[in-house]
Protein backbone atom coordinates (compact mmCIF):
# COMPACT_ATOMS: atom_id res chain seq x y z
CA MET A 1 -122.48 -57.00 -23.09
CA ASP A 2 -126.09 -56.64 -22.30
CA ALA A 3 -128.60 -59.37 -23.66
CA ILE A 4 -130.04 -58.19 -26.82
CA ASP A 5 -133.88 -57.40 -26.26
CA THR A 6 -135.66 -60.57 -26.86
CA ALA A 7 -139.07 -58.88 -26.26
CA ALA A 8 -139.06 -57.44 -29.88
CA PRO A 9 -138.02 -60.48 -32.09
CA SER A 10 -137.72 -60.01 -35.53
CA ARG A 11 -140.43 -62.27 -37.70
CA LEU A 12 -139.45 -64.46 -40.47
CA SER A 13 -141.28 -66.06 -42.97
CA SER A 14 -143.67 -68.90 -42.60
CA GLY A 15 -144.66 -67.39 -38.87
CA ILE A 16 -141.31 -67.98 -37.39
CA VAL A 17 -140.11 -65.79 -34.72
CA LEU A 18 -136.22 -65.29 -34.43
CA GLN A 19 -134.61 -64.33 -31.10
CA VAL A 20 -130.94 -63.56 -30.42
CA ALA A 21 -129.53 -63.19 -26.81
CA THR A 22 -125.94 -62.55 -25.59
CA GLU A 23 -126.50 -63.50 -21.89
CA LEU A 24 -126.91 -67.17 -20.92
CA GLU A 25 -129.09 -66.45 -17.98
CA ALA A 26 -131.57 -64.77 -20.32
CA VAL A 27 -132.49 -68.03 -22.07
CA GLU A 28 -131.87 -70.41 -19.27
CA ARG A 29 -135.38 -71.46 -18.73
CA MET A 30 -136.45 -71.88 -22.30
CA TRP A 31 -133.22 -73.79 -23.22
CA THR A 32 -133.33 -76.14 -20.17
CA ALA A 33 -136.95 -76.80 -20.92
CA PHE A 34 -136.52 -77.46 -24.59
CA GLU A 35 -133.41 -79.74 -24.22
CA GLU A 36 -135.35 -82.19 -22.25
CA HIS A 37 -137.28 -83.40 -25.41
CA ALA A 38 -135.23 -81.94 -28.23
CA ASP A 39 -132.87 -83.89 -30.34
CA CYS A 40 -129.26 -82.85 -29.32
CA THR A 41 -126.10 -84.20 -27.69
CA VAL A 42 -124.74 -83.49 -23.93
CA PHE A 43 -122.47 -80.86 -25.37
CA GLN A 44 -125.50 -78.83 -26.19
CA SER A 45 -126.97 -79.02 -22.74
CA PHE A 46 -127.45 -75.59 -21.04
CA ASN A 47 -125.50 -76.57 -17.83
CA TRP A 48 -122.58 -78.07 -19.69
CA LEU A 49 -122.21 -74.95 -21.73
CA PHE A 50 -122.97 -72.64 -18.70
CA GLU A 51 -119.95 -74.19 -16.77
CA TRP A 52 -117.73 -73.96 -19.72
CA HIS A 53 -118.39 -69.99 -20.40
CA LYS A 54 -118.05 -69.38 -16.46
CA HIS A 55 -114.54 -70.98 -16.44
CA ILE A 56 -113.23 -70.49 -19.85
CA GLY A 57 -115.36 -68.38 -22.24
CA ALA A 58 -116.04 -65.45 -20.06
CA LYS A 59 -112.20 -65.22 -19.23
CA THR A 60 -111.13 -65.13 -22.77
CA ASN A 61 -113.77 -62.55 -23.80
CA ILE A 62 -115.93 -64.95 -25.81
CA VAL A 63 -119.52 -63.55 -26.45
CA PRO A 64 -122.52 -65.88 -26.23
CA VAL A 65 -124.95 -65.50 -29.12
CA ILE A 66 -127.83 -67.75 -28.37
CA VAL A 67 -130.19 -67.82 -31.51
CA SER A 68 -133.56 -69.33 -31.18
CA ALA A 69 -136.38 -69.88 -33.90
CA SER A 70 -139.89 -70.33 -32.55
CA THR A 71 -143.46 -70.62 -34.02
CA SER A 72 -145.67 -67.67 -33.56
CA ARG A 73 -147.03 -69.40 -30.52
CA GLY A 74 -143.69 -69.31 -28.76
CA ASP A 75 -142.78 -73.20 -29.38
CA PRO A 76 -138.96 -73.63 -30.03
CA LEU A 77 -138.11 -75.13 -33.05
CA ILE A 78 -134.26 -74.86 -33.03
CA ILE A 79 -131.69 -73.37 -30.85
CA LEU A 80 -128.17 -72.41 -31.94
CA PRO A 81 -125.55 -72.11 -29.11
CA LEU A 82 -123.18 -69.79 -31.08
CA SER A 83 -120.59 -67.26 -30.07
CA ILE A 84 -118.25 -64.46 -31.18
CA LYS A 85 -114.46 -65.31 -30.68
CA LYS A 86 -111.84 -62.87 -31.60
CA GLN A 87 -108.63 -64.46 -32.86
CA GLY A 88 -105.88 -61.92 -33.95
CA ARG A 89 -107.56 -59.24 -36.07
CA LEU A 90 -110.62 -61.46 -36.99
CA ARG A 91 -113.77 -61.98 -35.41
CA ARG A 92 -115.27 -65.54 -35.73
CA LEU A 93 -118.82 -66.73 -35.46
CA THR A 94 -118.36 -70.24 -33.64
CA TRP A 95 -120.27 -72.83 -31.62
CA LEU A 96 -120.19 -71.74 -28.03
CA GLY A 97 -117.79 -74.09 -26.27
CA ASP A 98 -116.45 -75.59 -29.48
CA ASP A 99 -113.17 -76.31 -28.17
CA LEU A 100 -114.46 -78.62 -25.46
CA CYS A 101 -117.44 -80.14 -27.30
CA ASP A 102 -116.76 -83.05 -29.42
CA TYR A 103 -119.85 -82.61 -31.25
CA ASN A 104 -121.27 -79.13 -32.09
CA GLY A 105 -124.59 -78.20 -33.61
CA PRO A 106 -128.12 -76.85 -32.85
CA LEU A 107 -130.86 -78.35 -30.60
CA LEU A 108 -133.76 -79.52 -32.80
CA ALA A 109 -137.37 -79.98 -32.04
CA ARG A 110 -138.26 -83.56 -32.66
CA ASP A 111 -140.38 -82.49 -35.77
CA PHE A 112 -137.96 -80.05 -37.11
CA ALA A 113 -137.08 -82.04 -40.35
CA SER A 114 -140.68 -82.17 -41.26
CA ARG A 115 -141.20 -78.55 -40.91
CA ALA A 116 -138.11 -77.04 -42.60
CA SER A 117 -137.18 -78.20 -46.19
CA GLU A 118 -133.43 -77.88 -47.24
CA GLN A 119 -134.31 -74.61 -49.12
CA GLN A 120 -136.17 -73.24 -45.93
CA PHE A 121 -133.32 -73.76 -43.60
CA ALA A 122 -130.81 -72.28 -45.96
CA SER A 123 -132.95 -69.37 -45.93
CA LEU A 124 -133.37 -69.34 -42.29
CA TRP A 125 -129.57 -69.56 -42.01
CA GLN A 126 -129.11 -66.31 -43.95
CA ARG A 127 -131.66 -64.57 -41.91
CA ILE A 128 -130.01 -65.68 -38.74
CA LEU A 129 -126.63 -64.24 -40.13
CA GLN A 130 -128.21 -61.16 -40.89
CA SER A 131 -129.89 -60.79 -37.66
CA ILE A 132 -126.75 -61.34 -35.65
CA ARG A 133 -124.82 -58.95 -37.80
CA SER A 134 -127.58 -56.25 -37.42
CA ASP A 135 -126.18 -55.53 -33.98
CA ARG A 136 -122.87 -53.79 -34.68
CA ARG A 137 -121.53 -55.20 -31.48
CA LEU A 138 -121.87 -58.58 -33.00
CA ASN A 139 -120.01 -58.20 -36.28
CA PHE A 140 -118.06 -61.15 -37.40
CA ASP A 141 -115.43 -61.57 -40.31
CA LEU A 142 -116.06 -65.47 -41.02
CA VAL A 143 -118.13 -68.35 -39.72
CA VAL A 144 -116.21 -71.48 -38.46
CA LEU A 145 -118.63 -74.24 -37.09
CA GLN A 146 -116.49 -77.27 -36.69
CA ARG A 147 -117.36 -80.84 -35.59
CA MET A 148 -120.99 -81.11 -36.68
CA PRO A 149 -122.43 -84.76 -36.75
CA GLU A 150 -124.26 -86.07 -39.64
CA TRP A 151 -127.16 -86.95 -37.54
CA ILE A 152 -128.66 -85.15 -34.46
CA GLY A 153 -130.86 -87.81 -32.75
CA ALA A 154 -133.11 -89.31 -35.40
CA GLN A 155 -132.70 -86.12 -37.69
CA ARG A 156 -130.10 -85.26 -40.45
CA ASN A 157 -128.19 -82.21 -39.37
CA PRO A 158 -129.90 -79.39 -41.27
CA PHE A 159 -126.63 -77.57 -41.65
CA LEU A 160 -125.37 -80.44 -43.97
CA THR A 161 -127.80 -78.78 -46.53
CA ILE A 162 -125.33 -76.09 -46.81
CA PRO A 163 -121.94 -76.73 -48.40
CA VAL A 164 -119.64 -78.11 -45.84
CA LEU A 165 -116.34 -79.72 -45.56
CA PRO A 166 -115.50 -83.16 -43.80
CA ASN A 167 -113.66 -83.07 -40.59
CA THR A 168 -110.35 -85.16 -40.61
CA PHE A 169 -111.66 -87.21 -37.69
CA GLY A 170 -114.84 -89.14 -36.89
CA ALA A 171 -116.16 -90.65 -33.68
CA HIS A 172 -117.47 -94.14 -32.64
CA VAL A 173 -120.37 -95.27 -30.74
CA ALA A 174 -121.18 -98.92 -29.51
CA THR A 175 -124.79 -100.21 -29.22
CA LEU A 176 -124.70 -101.66 -25.56
CA GLY A 177 -127.73 -104.03 -25.42
CA THR A 178 -128.99 -105.23 -22.14
CA ASN A 179 -126.43 -107.74 -20.93
CA TRP A 180 -122.57 -107.18 -20.30
CA GLU A 181 -121.52 -110.71 -20.79
CA GLU A 182 -123.38 -111.12 -24.20
CA PHE A 183 -121.93 -107.67 -25.09
CA TYR A 184 -118.45 -108.57 -24.18
CA ARG A 185 -118.75 -112.01 -25.97
CA VAL A 186 -119.74 -110.30 -29.34
CA LYS A 187 -117.34 -107.45 -29.14
CA ARG A 188 -114.18 -109.60 -28.06
CA SER A 189 -112.95 -112.70 -29.90
CA SER A 190 -112.17 -115.74 -27.73
CA SER A 191 -108.60 -115.42 -28.04
CA ASP A 192 -108.86 -111.45 -26.81
CA ARG A 193 -111.19 -112.78 -23.84
CA LYS A 194 -108.46 -115.10 -22.90
CA THR A 195 -106.01 -112.65 -23.16
CA ASP A 196 -107.92 -110.21 -20.89
CA ARG A 197 -108.74 -112.96 -18.35
CA ARG A 198 -105.05 -113.54 -18.11
CA LYS A 199 -104.08 -110.00 -17.69
CA PHE A 200 -106.71 -109.15 -15.26
CA ARG A 201 -105.74 -112.15 -12.98
CA ASN A 202 -102.07 -110.83 -13.09
CA LEU A 203 -103.30 -107.33 -12.17
CA ALA A 204 -105.44 -108.82 -9.35
CA LYS A 205 -102.36 -110.42 -7.81
CA HIS A 206 -101.21 -107.20 -6.82
CA GLY A 207 -104.33 -106.34 -4.73
CA GLU A 208 -108.16 -106.61 -4.96
CA LEU A 209 -109.74 -104.89 -8.10
CA GLN A 210 -112.31 -102.52 -7.10
CA PHE A 211 -114.40 -100.33 -9.42
CA ILE A 212 -115.00 -97.17 -7.57
CA GLU A 213 -117.56 -94.43 -8.30
CA PRO A 214 -116.96 -91.81 -5.97
CA SER A 215 -119.74 -89.80 -4.51
CA GLU A 216 -118.13 -87.59 -1.75
CA PRO A 217 -116.99 -84.30 -3.25
CA GLY A 218 -113.55 -84.53 -1.69
CA ASP A 219 -113.04 -88.15 -3.17
CA ILE A 220 -114.45 -86.86 -6.64
CA THR A 221 -112.06 -84.10 -6.55
CA ARG A 222 -108.94 -86.19 -5.69
CA THR A 223 -109.94 -88.68 -8.69
CA MET A 224 -110.08 -85.90 -10.95
CA GLU A 225 -106.86 -84.36 -10.17
CA LEU A 226 -105.27 -87.86 -10.48
CA LEU A 227 -107.03 -88.22 -13.90
CA ILE A 228 -105.81 -84.90 -14.91
CA ARG A 229 -102.11 -85.79 -13.97
CA GLN A 230 -102.40 -89.03 -15.64
CA LYS A 231 -103.78 -87.51 -18.89
CA ARG A 232 -100.81 -84.76 -18.97
CA GLU A 233 -98.28 -87.36 -18.55
CA SER A 234 -99.78 -89.47 -21.31
CA TYR A 235 -99.93 -86.23 -23.46
CA ALA A 236 -96.14 -85.86 -22.94
CA ARG A 237 -95.42 -89.28 -23.83
CA ILE A 238 -97.00 -89.15 -27.33
CA GLN A 239 -95.72 -85.49 -27.83
CA ALA A 240 -99.60 -84.40 -28.00
CA ASP A 241 -101.15 -81.02 -27.06
CA ASP A 242 -101.57 -80.73 -23.43
CA ILE A 243 -105.01 -79.34 -23.20
CA PHE A 244 -104.65 -78.51 -19.38
CA ILE A 245 -102.05 -75.77 -19.80
CA ARG A 246 -105.14 -73.80 -21.60
CA PRO A 247 -106.49 -71.08 -19.52
CA GLY A 248 -109.45 -72.45 -17.61
CA TYR A 249 -109.42 -75.92 -18.63
CA ARG A 250 -108.11 -77.46 -15.60
CA GLU A 251 -110.56 -75.46 -13.38
CA PHE A 252 -113.37 -76.53 -15.75
CA PHE A 253 -112.95 -80.07 -15.41
CA LYS A 254 -112.56 -80.20 -11.69
CA ALA A 255 -115.60 -77.73 -11.21
CA ILE A 256 -118.01 -79.83 -13.44
CA SER A 257 -117.19 -82.95 -11.47
CA VAL A 258 -118.58 -81.51 -8.38
CA SER A 259 -121.10 -78.93 -9.86
CA PRO A 260 -124.65 -79.30 -8.49
CA ARG A 261 -125.78 -78.29 -12.00
CA LEU A 262 -124.37 -81.31 -13.61
CA THR A 263 -125.33 -83.92 -11.01
CA GLY A 264 -126.47 -86.98 -12.56
CA ILE A 265 -124.66 -86.07 -15.96
CA VAL A 266 -120.96 -86.10 -14.92
CA HIS A 267 -119.74 -89.48 -13.94
CA VAL A 268 -116.36 -89.93 -12.35
CA SER A 269 -114.76 -93.38 -12.01
CA ARG A 270 -111.52 -95.11 -11.25
CA LEU A 271 -110.15 -98.74 -10.82
CA ASP A 272 -108.17 -99.26 -7.67
CA VAL A 273 -105.77 -102.43 -7.28
CA GLY A 274 -105.93 -102.87 -3.32
CA GLU A 275 -105.65 -99.33 -2.00
CA LYS A 276 -103.91 -97.94 -5.25
CA PRO A 277 -105.88 -96.09 -8.08
CA VAL A 278 -104.51 -97.29 -11.37
CA ALA A 279 -106.98 -96.09 -13.86
CA THR A 280 -109.61 -93.23 -14.04
CA GLY A 281 -112.24 -91.72 -16.26
CA LEU A 282 -114.84 -89.18 -16.89
CA GLY A 283 -118.02 -89.77 -18.55
CA LEU A 284 -121.23 -87.62 -19.38
CA CYS A 285 -124.67 -89.43 -18.93
CA PHE A 286 -127.29 -87.71 -21.06
CA LYS A 287 -130.58 -89.12 -22.15
CA SER A 288 -129.99 -92.69 -23.25
CA CYS A 289 -126.35 -92.46 -24.01
CA TYR A 290 -123.01 -92.46 -22.03
CA TYR A 291 -120.14 -90.32 -23.33
CA LEU A 292 -116.49 -91.18 -22.44
CA VAL A 293 -114.76 -87.93 -22.30
CA LEU A 294 -111.46 -88.60 -20.54
CA SER A 295 -109.68 -91.70 -19.35
CA SER A 296 -106.04 -92.79 -18.51
CA TYR A 297 -103.98 -94.88 -16.22
CA GLU A 298 -100.80 -95.11 -14.37
CA ASN A 299 -97.71 -95.67 -16.54
CA ASN A 300 -96.04 -98.09 -14.23
CA GLN A 301 -95.32 -101.65 -14.03
CA LEU A 302 -98.98 -102.46 -13.66
CA ALA A 303 -99.61 -101.05 -17.06
CA LEU A 304 -98.42 -104.34 -18.56
CA HIS A 305 -101.67 -105.91 -17.18
CA SER A 306 -104.02 -103.43 -19.13
CA PRO A 307 -105.65 -101.68 -16.28
CA GLY A 308 -107.24 -99.21 -18.83
CA ARG A 309 -108.96 -102.07 -20.44
CA ALA A 310 -110.18 -103.38 -17.03
CA HIS A 311 -111.41 -100.06 -16.21
CA LEU A 312 -113.34 -99.68 -19.56
CA CYS A 313 -115.02 -102.95 -19.00
CA ASP A 314 -116.09 -101.88 -15.55
CA ILE A 315 -117.37 -98.80 -17.23
CA PHE A 316 -119.32 -100.78 -19.89
CA ARG A 317 -120.81 -103.05 -17.22
CA SER A 318 -122.13 -99.85 -15.25
CA ALA A 319 -123.49 -98.23 -18.30
CA ILE A 320 -125.43 -101.42 -19.29
CA GLY A 321 -126.44 -101.78 -15.72
CA ARG A 322 -127.93 -98.12 -15.86
CA LYS A 323 -129.67 -99.23 -19.12
CA TYR A 324 -127.95 -96.63 -21.31
CA LYS A 325 -128.53 -97.71 -25.01
CA LYS A 326 -125.45 -96.27 -26.48
CA PHE A 327 -121.75 -95.90 -25.47
CA ASP A 328 -120.18 -92.84 -27.29
CA PHE A 329 -116.37 -92.85 -27.32
CA THR A 330 -116.50 -89.20 -28.88
CA ILE A 331 -114.09 -87.72 -31.38
CA GLY A 332 -110.95 -89.86 -32.33
CA ASP A 333 -110.17 -92.85 -34.53
CA GLU A 334 -108.06 -94.66 -32.04
CA PRO A 335 -108.08 -98.62 -33.15
CA TYR A 336 -109.60 -99.64 -29.57
CA LYS A 337 -112.51 -97.42 -30.30
CA ARG A 338 -113.26 -99.34 -33.51
CA GLU A 339 -113.10 -102.65 -31.76
CA TRP A 340 -116.05 -101.87 -29.57
CA SER A 341 -118.04 -99.83 -31.96
CA ASP A 342 -120.67 -100.81 -34.59
CA ILE A 343 -121.54 -97.02 -35.40
CA GLU A 344 -119.11 -94.33 -37.07
CA VAL A 345 -120.16 -90.75 -36.67
CA ARG A 346 -119.03 -88.63 -39.60
CA LEU A 347 -118.22 -84.92 -38.64
CA PHE A 348 -118.34 -81.82 -40.84
CA ASP A 349 -117.19 -78.13 -40.84
CA LEU A 350 -119.07 -74.98 -42.14
CA LEU A 351 -116.42 -72.27 -43.24
CA GLU A 352 -117.86 -69.04 -44.64
CA GLY A 353 -116.47 -65.63 -45.09
CA ALA A 354 -118.51 -62.64 -44.22
CA THR A 355 -115.87 -59.89 -44.92
CA VAL A 356 -113.01 -59.52 -47.49
CA SER A 357 -110.38 -60.64 -44.84
CA GLY A 358 -112.92 -63.30 -43.78
CA ARG A 359 -113.17 -64.69 -47.07
CA LEU A 360 -109.53 -64.85 -47.90
CA THR A 361 -108.97 -66.62 -44.52
CA VAL A 362 -111.78 -69.14 -45.29
CA ALA A 363 -110.10 -69.76 -48.78
CA GLY A 364 -106.79 -70.61 -47.16
CA LYS A 365 -108.59 -72.66 -44.30
CA ALA A 366 -110.55 -74.67 -46.97
CA ALA A 367 -107.22 -75.44 -49.03
CA VAL A 368 -105.57 -76.61 -45.88
CA ARG A 369 -108.64 -78.81 -44.81
CA ARG A 370 -108.98 -80.42 -48.35
CA ALA A 371 -105.29 -81.17 -48.09
CA ASN A 372 -105.63 -82.86 -44.75
CA VAL A 373 -108.45 -85.00 -45.80
CA PHE A 374 -106.33 -86.15 -48.91
CA ILE A 375 -103.71 -87.20 -46.44
CA CYS A 376 -106.00 -88.65 -43.82
CA ASP A 377 -107.27 -91.07 -46.53
CA ARG A 378 -103.83 -92.08 -47.30
CA PRO A 379 -102.00 -93.53 -44.19
CA SER A 380 -98.86 -94.06 -45.99
CA LEU A 381 -98.62 -90.12 -46.28
CA ARG A 382 -100.23 -89.45 -42.93
CA GLN A 383 -98.14 -91.54 -40.65
CA PRO A 384 -94.47 -90.08 -41.94
CA LEU A 385 -95.85 -86.42 -41.93
CA SER A 386 -97.24 -86.67 -38.40
CA ARG A 387 -94.03 -88.18 -37.33
CA LEU A 388 -92.19 -85.09 -39.12
CA ARG A 389 -94.51 -82.89 -37.30
CA ARG A 390 -93.77 -84.32 -33.81
CA GLN A 391 -89.94 -84.28 -34.48
CA LEU A 392 -90.21 -80.63 -35.52
CA ALA A 393 -92.25 -79.74 -32.48
CA ALA A 394 -89.80 -81.65 -30.01
CA PHE A 395 -87.02 -79.81 -31.58
CA ARG A 396 -88.67 -76.57 -30.91
CA LYS A 397 -89.83 -77.87 -27.42
CA ARG A 398 -93.36 -77.43 -27.76
CA PRO A 399 -96.30 -79.74 -28.04
CA ALA A 400 -97.40 -81.06 -31.37
CA PHE A 401 -100.77 -81.24 -32.91
CA ASP A 402 -101.60 -84.21 -35.28
CA PHE A 403 -100.90 -83.25 -38.91
CA ALA A 404 -104.56 -83.43 -39.70
CA GLY A 405 -105.54 -81.55 -36.46
CA GLY A 406 -108.35 -82.33 -33.92
CA GLY A 407 -107.85 -85.73 -32.39
CA SER A 408 -109.11 -87.33 -29.25
CA ARG A 409 -108.80 -86.65 -25.42
CA SER A 410 -109.98 -89.90 -24.17
C-alpha cells in the first residue's frame, strides 16, 4: 500500500494539522527528530518499530497507520504509531508492534497536556478515527489499544480521558540512585544479602564470575541464540506460551541485537562462570531508563546458586554506572520485580467498536476483561483457575496462556 498523501493534510480545529501515512519511510525524519525530545518509551522509538515491521509486521500483512498532529507551523504535538491488523473476518486498529511492545501509546510533545484539554483530546481522537476511515483501504471494525501506561513521561496519558479498562497485568520500575552498594543495601535485607553472598561464593567455586557485555557481532549473536534457547526451555518448564514459535520473532530478536539502527539502545549481556555462560539478558537503553526485556539462565546444577540473581545484580551495577535513573522490569507482576521496585505502572486498554460486528466483539471482550480483572484481584480464584488452564493445555498438548492473559517475557 502506498503512503497517504501527506502534502494535503486535513485541518482540524484550533489550527491543528492532521496527517496520516502508511509507509514508515515517509515519516522517518519527522518521527526520529520528534522522539529525541518527546515523552515516550523505547517501544515508541522509530527504529524499534521499523525493525519490528520489517521482520514481523510486513510478513503478516499488517499495515502501518502513522498519525501525526502538528501546529500550523509544522511542529508535531503527538504521533500515534497505529496499524491495521486483520484477524479472521475482522480488521482491528491497534498499536503498531503491540505484540512486542510492553508499553503502547503515543509520542507526546513535552507541553501536550497544557495544549489539549480532556474534551479537546476526545474530539481530536474522533477526528483521527474519521480521518483513517476516510480512506477505504484503512477501514476497520474495532479499535483494540492495549497496555497503555497511565503516565507517559511526566504527562498523564491522554487516552485515559476516554473510557478504558484496566489491563490484568502491571509493570514495575526501580529508581536507581547513583551508588550500587547503597541501592543494593536498601533493596535487600541483611539476611537476603547474606544469602546472596553465600550463593554467589558457591557459584564462584565453579569458576571465575565474569559479567560479559559482548560487542563483536558474532559474540552478540551467540549470546542471543543462547538466551532464546534458555527462554524456550523456561517456557516449556512452566507450560507458558513460547513466543519464539511465532512467525518472525526469533529473527526479530536476533536482528535487533546487531542492527546498526539500534546501536546504543540494545544491550546484550551474560554471566559466565569460568568459560561457561550461565545467565543471559537483553535490555534496551533509552533516554534515562534501562528496560529489561528478556533474561534467563541455565537450568542445571548451578541454578541452585542463583546465577540469574547474580546476573541481575551485574546489570543493575552496569545501569547505575551508566547513570540511568530508572530500571524498568517491563510488564509482569512477578514477586522478584516487586522486591526491587518502588514504582508500579498501571496499564489500560481501549476497546471500541466501529461496525456492528466490531461492537459485538468488543462487548464480549469487555465482559471477559472485567471477569479477568475480578479474578486477578482475588488470588484464591486466580491460582486454581490458572492451574486448571495449564492442565487442560497440557492435556491438549499445546502451550497455555495465563488465565488473565498478558504476562511477562523477562
